[in-house]
PDB file of N, CA and C in Angstrom:
ATOM      1  N   MET A   1       0.836  -1.164  -0.001  1.00  0.00           N
ATOM      2  CA  MET A   1      -0.032   0.007   0.003  1.00  0.00           C
ATOM      3  C   MET A   1       0.905   1.238  -0.004  1.00  0.00           C
ATOM      4  N   ALA A   2       0.508   2.260  -0.749  1.00  0.00           N
ATOM      5  CA  ALA A   2       1.319   3.472  -0.857  1.00  0.00           C
ATOM      6  C   ALA A   2       1.044   4.428   0.319  1.00  0.00           C
ATOM      7  N   THR A   3       1.550   4.036   1.480  1.00  0.00           N
ATOM      8  CA  THR A   3       1.475   4.901   2.648  1.00  0.00           C
ATOM      9  C   THR A   3       2.883   5.432   2.882  1.00  0.00           C
ATOM     10  N   ARG A   4       3.055   6.701   2.600  1.00  0.00           N
ATOM     11  CA  ARG A   4       4.406   7.293   2.579  1.00  0.00           C
ATOM     12  C   ARG A   4       4.868   7.663   4.021  1.00  0.00           C
ATOM     13  N   ALA A   5       6.165   7.523   4.208  1.00  0.00           N
ATOM     14  CA  ALA A   5       6.732   7.850   5.548  1.00  0.00           C
ATOM     15  C   ALA A   5       8.165   8.287   5.415  1.00  0.00           C
ATOM     16  N   THR A   6       8.668   9.005   6.424  1.00  0.00           N
ATOM     17  CA  THR A   6      10.053   9.339   6.518  1.00  0.00           C
ATOM     18  C   THR A   6      10.571   8.747   7.810  1.00  0.00           C
ATOM     19  N   TYR A   7      11.854   8.359   7.779  1.00  0.00           N
ATOM     20  CA  TYR A   7      12.537   7.752   8.924  1.00  0.00           C
ATOM     21  C   TYR A   7      13.784   8.521   9.176  1.00  0.00           C
ATOM     22  N   ARG A   8      13.880   9.132  10.343  1.00  0.00           N
ATOM     23  CA  ARG A   8      15.076   9.926  10.719  1.00  0.00           C
ATOM     24  C   ARG A   8      15.837   9.144  11.687  1.00  0.00           C
ATOM     25  N   PHE A   9      17.121   8.830  11.329  1.00  0.00           N
ATOM     26  CA  PHE A   9      18.032   8.048  12.185  1.00  0.00           C
ATOM     27  C   PHE A   9      18.972   9.036  12.902  1.00  0.00           C
ATOM     28  N   ILE A  10      18.934   9.004  14.237  1.00  0.00           N
ATOM     29  CA  ILE A  10      19.673   9.913  15.068  1.00  0.00           C
ATOM     30  C   ILE A  10      20.615   9.125  15.966  1.00  0.00           C
ATOM     31  N   ASP A  11      21.912   9.268  15.762  1.00  0.00           N
ATOM     32  CA  ASP A  11      22.923   8.553  16.530  1.00  0.00           C
ATOM     33  C   ASP A  11      23.160   9.337  17.809  1.00  0.00           C
ATOM     34  N   ARG A  12      22.871   8.730  18.922  1.00  0.00           N
ATOM     35  CA  ARG A  12      23.039   9.389  20.257  1.00  0.00           C
ATOM     36  C   ARG A  12      24.525   9.659  20.584  1.00  0.00           C
ATOM     37  N   SER A  13      25.397   8.941  19.949  1.00  0.00           N
ATOM     38  CA  SER A  13      26.827   9.130  20.243  1.00  0.00           C
ATOM     39  C   SER A  13      27.410  10.364  19.515  1.00  0.00           C
ATOM     40  N   ASP A  14      26.590  10.946  18.644  1.00  0.00           N
ATOM     41  CA  ASP A  14      26.943  12.236  18.000  1.00  0.00           C
ATOM     42  C   ASP A  14      28.059  12.186  16.987  1.00  0.00           C
ATOM     43  N   TRP A  15      28.483  11.023  16.563  1.00  0.00           N
ATOM     44  CA  TRP A  15      29.567  11.055  15.561  1.00  0.00           C
ATOM     45  C   TRP A  15      29.081  10.790  14.149  1.00  0.00           C
ATOM     46  N   ARG A  16      27.860  10.388  13.971  1.00  0.00           N
ATOM     47  CA  ARG A  16      27.284  10.235  12.638  1.00  0.00           C
ATOM     48  C   ARG A  16      26.268  11.359  12.406  1.00  0.00           C
ATOM     49  N   PRO A  17      26.159  11.776  11.143  1.00  0.00           N
ATOM     50  CA  PRO A  17      25.133  12.803  10.859  1.00  0.00           C
ATOM     51  C   PRO A  17      23.730  12.233  10.981  1.00  0.00           C
ATOM     52  N   ILE A  18      22.767  13.075  11.223  1.00  0.00           N
ATOM     53  CA  ILE A  18      21.387  12.651  11.192  1.00  0.00           C
ATOM     54  C   ILE A  18      21.033  12.372   9.767  1.00  0.00           C
ATOM     55  N   THR A  19      20.422  11.233   9.515  1.00  0.00           N
ATOM     56  CA  THR A  19      20.020  10.847   8.133  1.00  0.00           C
ATOM     57  C   THR A  19      18.542  10.558   8.123  1.00  0.00           C
ATOM     58  N   THR A  20      17.884  11.161   7.141  1.00  0.00           N
ATOM     59  CA  THR A  20      16.455  10.906   6.967  1.00  0.00           C
ATOM     60  C   THR A  20      16.245  10.194   5.648  1.00  0.00           C
ATOM     61  N   VAL A  21      15.387   9.207   5.691  1.00  0.00           N
ATOM     62  CA  VAL A  21      15.100   8.355   4.545  1.00  0.00           C
ATOM     63  C   VAL A  21      13.589   8.435   4.277  1.00  0.00           C
ATOM     64  N   TYR A  22      13.275   8.542   2.959  1.00  0.00           N
ATOM     65  CA  TYR A  22      11.884   8.538   2.526  1.00  0.00           C
ATOM     66  C   TYR A  22      11.557   7.177   1.944  1.00  0.00           C
ATOM     67  N   ASN A  23      10.358   6.651   2.259  1.00  0.00           N
ATOM     68  CA  ASN A  23       9.925   5.388   1.698  1.00  0.00           C
ATOM     69  C   ASN A  23       8.501   5.547   1.277  1.00  0.00           C
ATOM     70  N   HIS A  24       8.215   5.228   0.010  1.00  0.00           N
ATOM     71  CA  HIS A  24       6.886   5.462  -0.612  1.00  0.00           C
ATOM     72  C   HIS A  24       5.887   4.403  -0.153  1.00  0.00           C
ATOM     73  N   TRP A  25       6.311   3.248   0.353  1.00  0.00           N
ATOM     74  CA  TRP A  25       5.398   2.139   0.620  1.00  0.00           C
ATOM     75  C   TRP A  25       5.411   1.752   2.130  1.00  0.00           C
ATOM     76  N   ASP A  26       4.238   1.272   2.552  1.00  0.00           N
ATOM     77  CA  ASP A  26       4.086   0.617   3.858  1.00  0.00           C
ATOM     78  C   ASP A  26       4.582   1.452   5.035  1.00  0.00           C
ATOM     79  N   GLY A  27       4.217   2.734   5.109  1.00  0.00           N
ATOM     80  CA  GLY A  27       4.654   3.585   6.176  1.00  0.00           C
ATOM     81  C   GLY A  27       3.875   3.509   7.448  1.00  0.00           C
ATOM     82  N   TYR A  28       2.717   2.854   7.417  1.00  0.00           N
ATOM     83  CA  TYR A  28       1.932   2.672   8.655  1.00  0.00           C
ATOM     84  C   TYR A  28       2.783   1.844   9.633  1.00  0.00           C
ATOM     85  N   PRO A  29       2.450   1.879  10.939  1.00  0.00           N
ATOM     86  CA  PRO A  29       3.350   1.258  11.956  1.00  0.00           C
ATOM     87  C   PRO A  29       3.640  -0.215  11.677  1.00  0.00           C
ATOM     88  N   GLU A  30       2.687  -1.022  11.246  1.00  0.00           N
ATOM     89  CA  GLU A  30       2.965  -2.429  10.972  1.00  0.00           C
ATOM     90  C   GLU A  30       3.954  -2.586   9.834  1.00  0.00           C
ATOM     91  N   GLY A  31       3.852  -1.783   8.819  1.00  0.00           N
ATOM     92  CA  GLY A  31       4.814  -1.765   7.733  1.00  0.00           C
ATOM     93  C   GLY A  31       6.161  -1.213   8.176  1.00  0.00           C
ATOM     94  N   ALA A  32       6.132  -0.165   8.951  1.00  0.00           N
ATOM     95  CA  ALA A  32       7.378   0.385   9.483  1.00  0.00           C
ATOM     96  C   ALA A  32       8.162  -0.660  10.313  1.00  0.00           C
ATOM     97  N   ALA A  33       7.389  -1.448  11.074  1.00  0.00           N
ATOM     98  CA  ALA A  33       8.065  -2.526  11.876  1.00  0.00           C
ATOM     99  C   ALA A  33       8.793  -3.491  10.954  1.00  0.00           C
ATOM    100  N   SER A  34       8.195  -3.821   9.837  1.00  0.00           N
ATOM    101  CA  SER A  34       8.866  -4.754   8.911  1.00  0.00           C
ATOM    102  C   SER A  34      10.111  -4.122   8.308  1.00  0.00           C
ATOM    103  N   HIS A  35      10.118  -2.767   8.213  1.00  0.00           N
ATOM    104  CA  HIS A  35      11.318  -2.089   7.702  1.00  0.00           C
ATOM    105  C   HIS A  35      12.406  -1.888   8.758  1.00  0.00           C
ATOM    106  N   LEU A  36      11.969  -1.540   9.963  1.00  0.00           N
ATOM    107  CA  LEU A  36      12.891  -1.135  11.030  1.00  0.00           C
ATOM    108  C   LEU A  36      13.470  -2.300  11.872  1.00  0.00           C
ATOM    109  N   CYS A  37      12.774  -3.329  11.992  1.00  0.00           N
ATOM    110  CA  CYS A  37      13.137  -4.342  13.018  1.00  0.00           C
ATOM    111  C   CYS A  37      14.266  -5.226  12.583  1.00  0.00           C
ATOM    112  N   THR A  38      14.812  -5.028  11.380  1.00  0.00           N
ATOM    113  CA  THR A  38      15.968  -5.795  10.934  1.00  0.00           C
ATOM    114  C   THR A  38      17.152  -4.920  10.624  1.00  0.00           C
ATOM    115  N   VAL A  39      17.105  -3.653  11.035  1.00  0.00           N
ATOM    116  CA  VAL A  39      18.198  -2.759  10.668  1.00  0.00           C
ATOM    117  C   VAL A  39      18.824  -2.154  11.931  1.00  0.00           C
ATOM    118  N   ARG A  40      20.074  -1.699  11.777  1.00  0.00           N
ATOM    119  CA  ARG A  40      20.810  -1.026  12.832  1.00  0.00           C
ATOM    120  C   ARG A  40      20.894   0.464  12.681  1.00  0.00           C
ATOM    121  N   ASN A  41      20.885   0.932  11.399  1.00  0.00           N
ATOM    122  CA  ASN A  41      21.080   2.371  11.140  1.00  0.00           C
ATOM    123  C   ASN A  41      20.498   2.669   9.738  1.00  0.00           C
ATOM    124  N   ALA A  42      20.711   3.918   9.299  1.00  0.00           N
ATOM    125  CA  ALA A  42      20.157   4.367   8.002  1.00  0.00           C
ATOM    126  C   ALA A  42      20.747   3.588   6.850  1.00  0.00           C
ATOM    127  N   GLU A  43      22.032   3.262   6.934  1.00  0.00           N
ATOM    128  CA  GLU A  43      22.661   2.535   5.859  1.00  0.00           C
ATOM    129  C   GLU A  43      22.009   1.151   5.690  1.00  0.00           C
ATOM    130  N   ASP A  44      21.794   0.451   6.782  1.00  0.00           N
ATOM    131  CA  ASP A  44      21.092  -0.815   6.764  1.00  0.00           C
ATOM    132  C   ASP A  44      19.680  -0.669   6.152  1.00  0.00           C
ATOM    133  N   PHE A  45      18.991   0.372   6.601  1.00  0.00           N
ATOM    134  CA  PHE A  45      17.619   0.562   6.111  1.00  0.00           C
ATOM    135  C   PHE A  45      17.610   0.732   4.586  1.00  0.00           C
ATOM    136  N   ILE A  46      18.506   1.454   4.033  1.00  0.00           N
ATOM    137  CA  ILE A  46      18.559   1.691   2.581  1.00  0.00           C
ATOM    138  C   ILE A  46      18.906   0.406   1.865  1.00  0.00           C
ATOM    139  N   ARG A  47      19.863  -0.331   2.409  1.00  0.00           N
ATOM    140  CA  ARG A  47      20.297  -1.597   1.786  1.00  0.00           C
ATOM    141  C   ARG A  47      19.109  -2.615   1.731  1.00  0.00           C
ATOM    142  N   ARG A  48      18.313  -2.624   2.784  1.00  0.00           N
ATOM    143  CA  ARG A  48      17.239  -3.656   2.869  1.00  0.00           C
ATOM    144  C   ARG A  48      15.909  -3.172   2.259  1.00  0.00           C
ATOM    145  N   ASN A  49      15.819  -1.886   1.951  1.00  0.00           N
ATOM    146  CA  ASN A  49      14.606  -1.321   1.385  1.00  0.00           C
ATOM    147  C   ASN A  49      14.984  -0.557   0.093  1.00  0.00           C
ATOM    148  N   GLU A  50      15.122  -1.293  -0.982  1.00  0.00           N
ATOM    149  CA  GLU A  50      15.621  -0.703  -2.205  1.00  0.00           C
ATOM    150  C   GLU A  50      14.816   0.451  -2.745  1.00  0.00           C
ATOM    151  N   GLN A  51      13.559   0.543  -2.403  1.00  0.00           N
ATOM    152  CA  GLN A  51      12.736   1.638  -2.895  1.00  0.00           C
ATOM    153  C   GLN A  51      12.911   2.962  -2.093  1.00  0.00           C
ATOM    154  N   SER A  52      13.709   2.874  -1.038  1.00  0.00           N
ATOM    155  CA  SER A  52      13.912   4.048  -0.180  1.00  0.00           C
ATOM    156  C   SER A  52      14.974   4.973  -0.719  1.00  0.00           C
ATOM    157  N   GLU A  53      14.968   6.221  -0.291  1.00  0.00           N
ATOM    158  CA  GLU A  53      15.916   7.185  -0.757  1.00  0.00           C
ATOM    159  C   GLU A  53      16.246   8.196   0.367  1.00  0.00           C
ATOM    160  N   ILE A  54      17.477   8.678   0.416  1.00  0.00           N
ATOM    161  CA  ILE A  54      17.877   9.678   1.365  1.00  0.00           C
ATOM    162  C   ILE A  54      17.181  10.982   0.983  1.00  0.00           C
ATOM    163  N   THR A  55      16.709  11.732   2.003  1.00  0.00           N
ATOM    164  CA  THR A  55      15.963  12.960   1.760  1.00  0.00           C
ATOM    165  C   THR A  55      16.499  14.003   2.791  1.00  0.00           C
ATOM    166  N   PRO A  56      16.327  15.290   2.490  1.00  0.00           N
ATOM    167  CA  PRO A  56      16.831  16.322   3.398  1.00  0.00           C
ATOM    168  C   PRO A  56      16.235  16.305   4.811  1.00  0.00           C
ATOM    169  N   GLY A  57      15.015  15.832   5.001  1.00  0.00           N
ATOM    170  CA  GLY A  57      14.412  15.810   6.317  1.00  0.00           C
ATOM    171  C   GLY A  57      12.944  15.444   6.201  1.00  0.00           C
ATOM    172  N   HIS A  58      12.273  15.352   7.372  1.00  0.00           N
ATOM    173  CA  HIS A  58      10.859  14.997   7.380  1.00  0.00           C
ATOM    174  C   HIS A  58      10.033  15.923   6.534  1.00  0.00           C
ATOM    175  N   GLU A  59      10.356  17.207   6.537  1.00  0.00           N
ATOM    176  CA  GLU A  59       9.549  18.238   5.861  1.00  0.00           C
ATOM    177  C   GLU A  59       9.721  18.197   4.327  1.00  0.00           C
ATOM    178  N   ALA A  60      10.709  17.487   3.813  1.00  0.00           N
ATOM    179  CA  ALA A  60      10.947  17.506   2.346  1.00  0.00           C
ATOM    180  C   ALA A  60       9.876  16.866   1.562  1.00  0.00           C
ATOM    181  N   HIS A  61       9.028  16.022   2.157  1.00  0.00           N
ATOM    182  CA  HIS A  61       7.947  15.328   1.433  1.00  0.00           C
ATOM    183  C   HIS A  61       6.617  15.721   2.061  1.00  0.00           C
ATOM    184  N   GLY A  62       5.837  16.470   1.309  1.00  0.00           N
ATOM    185  CA  GLY A  62       4.541  16.915   1.798  1.00  0.00           C
ATOM    186  C   GLY A  62       3.450  15.888   1.791  1.00  0.00           C
ATOM    187  N   ASP A  63       3.751  14.677   1.214  1.00  0.00           N
ATOM    188  CA  ASP A  63       2.715  13.688   1.093  1.00  0.00           C
ATOM    189  C   ASP A  63       2.824  12.549   2.067  1.00  0.00           C
ATOM    190  N   THR A  64       3.636  12.673   3.110  1.00  0.00           N
ATOM    191  CA  THR A  64       3.800  11.608   4.073  1.00  0.00           C
ATOM    192  C   THR A  64       2.662  11.585   5.083  1.00  0.00           C
ATOM    193  N   GLU A  65       2.361  10.412   5.584  1.00  0.00           N
ATOM    194  CA  GLU A  65       1.355  10.245   6.580  1.00  0.00           C
ATOM    195  C   GLU A  65       1.960   9.898   7.970  1.00  0.00           C
ATOM    196  N   TRP A  66       3.208   9.416   7.938  1.00  0.00           N
ATOM    197  CA  TRP A  66       3.873   8.999   9.160  1.00  0.00           C
ATOM    198  C   TRP A  66       5.337   9.479   9.171  1.00  0.00           C
ATOM    199  N   ARG A  67       5.835   9.785  10.362  1.00  0.00           N
ATOM    200  CA  ARG A  67       7.212  10.145  10.548  1.00  0.00           C
ATOM    201  C   ARG A  67       7.737   9.300  11.725  1.00  0.00           C
ATOM    202  N   TYR A  68       8.978   8.819  11.556  1.00  0.00           N
ATOM    203  CA  TYR A  68       9.608   8.006  12.566  1.00  0.00           C
ATOM    204  C   TYR A  68      10.994   8.594  12.925  1.00  0.00           C
ATOM    205  N   ASP A  69      11.275   8.762  14.228  1.00  0.00           N
ATOM    206  CA  ASP A  69      12.595   9.154  14.701  1.00  0.00           C
ATOM    207  C   ASP A  69      13.134   7.950  15.413  1.00  0.00           C
ATOM    208  N   ILE A  70      14.289   7.456  14.892  1.00  0.00           N
ATOM    209  CA  ILE A  70      14.936   6.265  15.470  1.00  0.00           C
ATOM    210  C   ILE A  70      16.216   6.744  16.133  1.00  0.00           C
ATOM    211  N   TYR A  71      16.325   6.542  17.445  1.00  0.00           N
ATOM    212  CA  TYR A  71      17.496   6.937  18.223  1.00  0.00           C
ATOM    213  C   TYR A  71      18.296   5.682  18.520  1.00  0.00           C
ATOM    214  N   TYR A  72      19.561   5.749  18.202  1.00  0.00           N
ATOM    215  CA  TYR A  72      20.409   4.568  18.416  1.00  0.00           C
ATOM    216  C   TYR A  72      21.797   5.038  18.791  1.00  0.00           C
ATOM    217  N   GLY A  73      22.643   4.141  19.261  1.00  0.00           N
ATOM    218  CA  GLY A  73      24.025   4.460  19.618  1.00  0.00           C
ATOM    219  C   GLY A  73      24.677   3.289  20.260  1.00  0.00           C
ATOM    220  N   ALA A  74      25.986   3.321  20.278  1.00  0.00           N
ATOM    221  CA  ALA A  74      26.760   2.193  20.807  1.00  0.00           C
ATOM    222  C   ALA A  74      26.356   1.909  22.248  1.00  0.00           C
ATOM    223  N   GLY A  75      26.062   0.647  22.525  1.00  0.00           N
ATOM    224  CA  GLY A  75      25.739   0.237  23.884  1.00  0.00           C
ATOM    225  C   GLY A  75      24.373   0.682  24.369  1.00  0.00           C
ATOM    226  N   GLN A  76      23.533   1.226  23.546  1.00  0.00           N
ATOM    227  CA  GLN A  76      22.255   1.705  23.973  1.00  0.00           C
ATOM    228  C   GLN A  76      21.150   1.005  23.149  1.00  0.00           C
ATOM    229  N   GLU A  77      20.035   0.681  23.798  1.00  0.00           N
ATOM    230  CA  GLU A  77      18.944   0.054  23.104  1.00  0.00           C
ATOM    231  C   GLU A  77      18.286   1.143  22.203  1.00  0.00           C
ATOM    232  N   PRO A  78      18.059   0.832  20.941  1.00  0.00           N
ATOM    233  CA  PRO A  78      17.389   1.809  20.057  1.00  0.00           C
ATOM    234  C   PRO A  78      15.977   2.094  20.523  1.00  0.00           C
ATOM    235  N   THR A  79      15.513   3.311  20.327  1.00  0.00           N
ATOM    236  CA  THR A  79      14.136   3.673  20.605  1.00  0.00           C
ATOM    237  C   THR A  79      13.555   4.276  19.336  1.00  0.00           C
ATOM    238  N   VAL A  80      12.251   4.274  19.260  1.00  0.00           N
ATOM    239  CA  VAL A  80      11.593   4.898  18.129  1.00  0.00           C
ATOM    240  C   VAL A  80      10.428   5.741  18.606  1.00  0.00           C
ATOM    241  N   GLU A  81      10.339   6.951  18.084  1.00  0.00           N
ATOM    242  CA  GLU A  81       9.204   7.840  18.334  1.00  0.00           C
ATOM    243  C   GLU A  81       8.527   8.013  17.016  1.00  0.00           C
ATOM    244  N   TRP A  82       7.190   7.849  16.974  1.00  0.00           N
ATOM    245  CA  TRP A  82       6.495   7.978  15.690  1.00  0.00           C
ATOM    246  C   TRP A  82       5.429   9.014  15.803  1.00  0.00           C
ATOM    247  N   PHE A  83       5.172   9.661  14.667  1.00  0.00           N
ATOM    248  CA  PHE A  83       4.265  10.792  14.553  1.00  0.00           C
ATOM    249  C   PHE A  83       3.238  10.474  13.423  1.00  0.00           C
ATOM    250  N   GLU A  84       2.026  10.835  13.635  1.00  0.00           N
ATOM    251  CA  GLU A  84       0.969  10.643  12.653  1.00  0.00           C
ATOM    252  C   GLU A  84       0.463  11.991  12.173  1.00  0.00           C
ATOM    253  N   ARG A  85       0.239  12.122  10.888  1.00  0.00           N
ATOM    254  CA  ARG A  85      -0.346  13.362  10.306  1.00  0.00           C
ATOM    255  C   ARG A  85      -1.809  13.404  10.822  1.00  0.00           C
ATOM    256  N   LYS A  86      -2.186  14.579  11.289  1.00  0.00           N
ATOM    257  CA  LYS A  86      -3.542  14.772  11.761  1.00  0.00           C
ATOM    258  C   LYS A  86      -4.267  15.658  10.785  1.00  0.00           C
ATOM    259  N   MET A  87      -5.587  15.496  10.765  1.00  0.00           N
ATOM    260  CA  MET A  87      -6.411  16.286   9.826  1.00  0.00           C
ATOM    261  C   MET A  87      -6.359  17.744  10.292  1.00  0.00           C
ATOM    262  N   PRO A  88      -6.544  18.701   9.433  1.00  0.00           N
ATOM    263  CA  PRO A  88      -6.768  18.485   7.993  1.00  0.00           C
ATOM    264  C   PRO A  88      -5.461  18.278   7.257  1.00  0.00           C
ATOM    265  N   TYR A  89      -5.485  17.508   6.189  1.00  0.00           N
ATOM    266  CA  TYR A  89      -4.275  17.212   5.441  1.00  0.00           C
ATOM    267  C   TYR A  89      -3.735  18.460   4.709  1.00  0.00           C
ATOM    268  N   THR A  90      -4.491  19.526   4.673  1.00  0.00           N
ATOM    269  CA  THR A  90      -3.987  20.740   4.013  1.00  0.00           C
ATOM    270  C   THR A  90      -2.851  21.369   4.838  1.00  0.00           C
ATOM    271  N   ASN A  91      -2.789  21.070   6.101  1.00  0.00           N
ATOM    272  CA  ASN A  91      -1.699  21.520   7.006  1.00  0.00           C
ATOM    273  C   ASN A  91      -0.620  20.467   7.022  1.00  0.00           C
ATOM    274  N   PHE A  92       0.341  20.589   6.143  1.00  0.00           N
ATOM    275  CA  PHE A  92       1.370  19.549   5.956  1.00  0.00           C
ATOM    276  C   PHE A  92       2.250  19.381   7.171  1.00  0.00           C
ATOM    277  N   GLU A  93       2.277  20.295   8.050  1.00  0.00           N
ATOM    278  CA  GLU A  93       3.163  20.196   9.262  1.00  0.00           C
ATOM    279  C   GLU A  93       2.397  19.768  10.488  1.00  0.00           C
ATOM    280  N   HIS A  94       1.157  19.341  10.367  1.00  0.00           N
ATOM    281  CA  HIS A  94       0.372  18.955  11.552  1.00  0.00           C
ATOM    282  C   HIS A  94       0.542  17.488  11.847  1.00  0.00           C
ATOM    283  N   PHE A  95       1.628  17.170  12.548  1.00  0.00           N
ATOM    284  CA  PHE A  95       1.893  15.790  13.020  1.00  0.00           C
ATOM    285  C   PHE A  95       1.855  15.783  14.510  1.00  0.00           C
ATOM    286  N   GLU A  96       1.349  14.701  15.067  1.00  0.00           N
ATOM    287  CA  GLU A  96       1.315  14.545  16.510  1.00  0.00           C
ATOM    288  C   GLU A  96       2.066  13.290  16.887  1.00  0.00           C
ATOM    289  N   SER A  97       2.875  13.394  17.960  1.00  0.00           N
ATOM    290  CA  SER A  97       3.573  12.241  18.493  1.00  0.00           C
ATOM    291  C   SER A  97       2.611  11.196  18.971  1.00  0.00           C
ATOM    292  N   VAL A  98       2.781   9.983  18.552  1.00  0.00           N
ATOM    293  CA  VAL A  98       1.957   8.883  19.026  1.00  0.00           C
ATOM    294  C   VAL A  98       2.520   8.232  20.307  1.00  0.00           C
ATOM    295  N   ASP A  99       3.843   7.953  20.230  1.00  0.00           N
ATOM    296  CA  ASP A  99       4.508   7.278  21.354  1.00  0.00           C
ATOM    297  C   ASP A  99       5.996   7.267  21.108  1.00  0.00           C
ATOM    298  N   GLU A 100       6.772   7.006  22.131  1.00  0.00           N
ATOM    299  CA  GLU A 100       8.213   6.749  22.007  1.00  0.00           C
ATOM    300  C   GLU A 100       8.533   5.563  22.956  1.00  0.00           C
ATOM    301  N   ILE A 101       9.019   4.496  22.344  1.00  0.00           N
ATOM    302  CA  ILE A 101       9.279   3.274  23.097  1.00  0.00           C
ATOM    303  C   ILE A 101      10.550   2.593  22.540  1.00  0.00           C
ATOM    304  N   PRO A 102      11.139   1.661  23.286  1.00  0.00           N
ATOM    305  CA  PRO A 102      12.206   0.865  22.728  1.00  0.00           C
ATOM    306  C   PRO A 102      11.817   0.245  21.420  1.00  0.00           C
ATOM    307  N   LEU A 103      12.743   0.144  20.477  1.00  0.00           N
ATOM    308  CA  LEU A 103      12.476  -0.453  19.166  1.00  0.00           C
ATOM    309  C   LEU A 103      11.962  -1.863  19.300  1.00  0.00           C
ATOM    310  N   SER A 104      12.549  -2.635  20.269  1.00  0.00           N
ATOM    311  CA  SER A 104      12.083  -3.998  20.424  1.00  0.00           C
ATOM    312  C   SER A 104      10.598  -4.051  20.839  1.00  0.00           C
ATOM    313  N   ASP A 105      10.134  -3.140  21.633  1.00  0.00           N
ATOM    314  CA  ASP A 105       8.734  -3.081  22.036  1.00  0.00           C
ATOM    315  C   ASP A 105       7.869  -2.673  20.828  1.00  0.00           C
ATOM    316  N   PHE A 106       8.390  -1.748  20.007  1.00  0.00           N
ATOM    317  CA  PHE A 106       7.653  -1.328  18.800  1.00  0.00           C
ATOM    318  C   PHE A 106       7.472  -2.530  17.889  1.00  0.00           C
ATOM    319  N   CYS A 107       8.539  -3.340  17.673  1.00  0.00           N
ATOM    320  CA  CYS A 107       8.475  -4.515  16.848  1.00  0.00           C
ATOM    321  C   CYS A 107       7.453  -5.490  17.370  1.00  0.00           C
ATOM    322  N   GLU A 108       7.442  -5.702  18.652  1.00  0.00           N
ATOM    323  CA  GLU A 108       6.481  -6.627  19.286  1.00  0.00           C
ATOM    324  C   GLU A 108       5.061  -6.102  19.130  1.00  0.00           C
ATOM    325  N   ARG A 109       4.868  -4.808  19.416  1.00  0.00           N
ATOM    326  CA  ARG A 109       3.534  -4.206  19.389  1.00  0.00           C
ATOM    327  C   ARG A 109       2.904  -4.314  18.019  1.00  0.00           C
ATOM    328  N   PHE A 110       3.732  -4.129  16.966  1.00  0.00           N
ATOM    329  CA  PHE A 110       3.176  -4.088  15.590  1.00  0.00           C
ATOM    330  C   PHE A 110       3.421  -5.407  14.805  1.00  0.00           C
ATOM    331  N   GLY A 111       3.622  -6.475  15.573  1.00  0.00           N
ATOM    332  CA  GLY A 111       3.533  -7.803  15.007  1.00  0.00           C
ATOM    333  C   GLY A 111       4.671  -8.242  14.113  1.00  0.00           C
ATOM    334  N   TYR A 112       5.859  -7.653  14.250  1.00  0.00           N
ATOM    335  CA  TYR A 112       6.985  -8.106  13.430  1.00  0.00           C
ATOM    336  C   TYR A 112       7.429  -9.478  13.905  1.00  0.00           C
ATOM    337  N   LYS A 113       7.469 -10.385  13.003  1.00  0.00           N
ATOM    338  CA  LYS A 113       7.950 -11.741  13.302  1.00  0.00           C
ATOM    339  C   LYS A 113       9.184 -12.010  12.457  1.00  0.00           C
ATOM    340  N   GLU A 114      10.273 -12.343  13.119  1.00  0.00           N
ATOM    341  CA  GLU A 114      11.491 -12.650  12.381  1.00  0.00           C
ATOM    342  C   GLU A 114      11.249 -13.987  11.604  1.00  0.00           C
ATOM    343  N   GLU A 115      11.662 -13.947  10.328  1.00  0.00           N
ATOM    344  CA  GLU A 115      11.482 -15.138   9.475  1.00  0.00           C
ATOM    345  C   GLU A 115      12.402 -16.223   9.916  1.00  0.00           C
ATOM    346  N   ALA A 116      11.917 -17.439   9.891  1.00  0.00           N
ATOM    347  CA  ALA A 116      12.781 -18.605  10.237  1.00  0.00           C
ATOM    348  C   ALA A 116      13.811 -18.826   9.152  1.00  0.00           C
ATOM    349  N   ALA A 117      15.029 -19.175   9.622  1.00  0.00           N
ATOM    350  CA  ALA A 117      16.131 -19.398   8.687  1.00  0.00           C
ATOM    351  C   ALA A 117      15.994 -20.676   7.927  1.00  0.00           C
TER     352      ALA A 117
END
């Protein structure tokens, strides 16, 4: 489904730049879990999601319905905060934070199941 989203990867250790990635497909939380739960950083995300592309930031795409901020760093459990566009859609900047939780909890909440080898 064409549910557009942006994913901003923020390294808490401050040595990597913030990288935002746009993905045209499956941006709702269940789809985002399938994209996020197998990656460590923006580079991984792009490698595993060929249709994704680096973008200047969340605001660069006026057609997104979801935004995700992924916080990660050496020795720290990644967390994800996600934002949903609220009506009216004419206000492209009207996003509200839904929640911020550890990435592992996000994956569990939205039904990500690791494929058997």
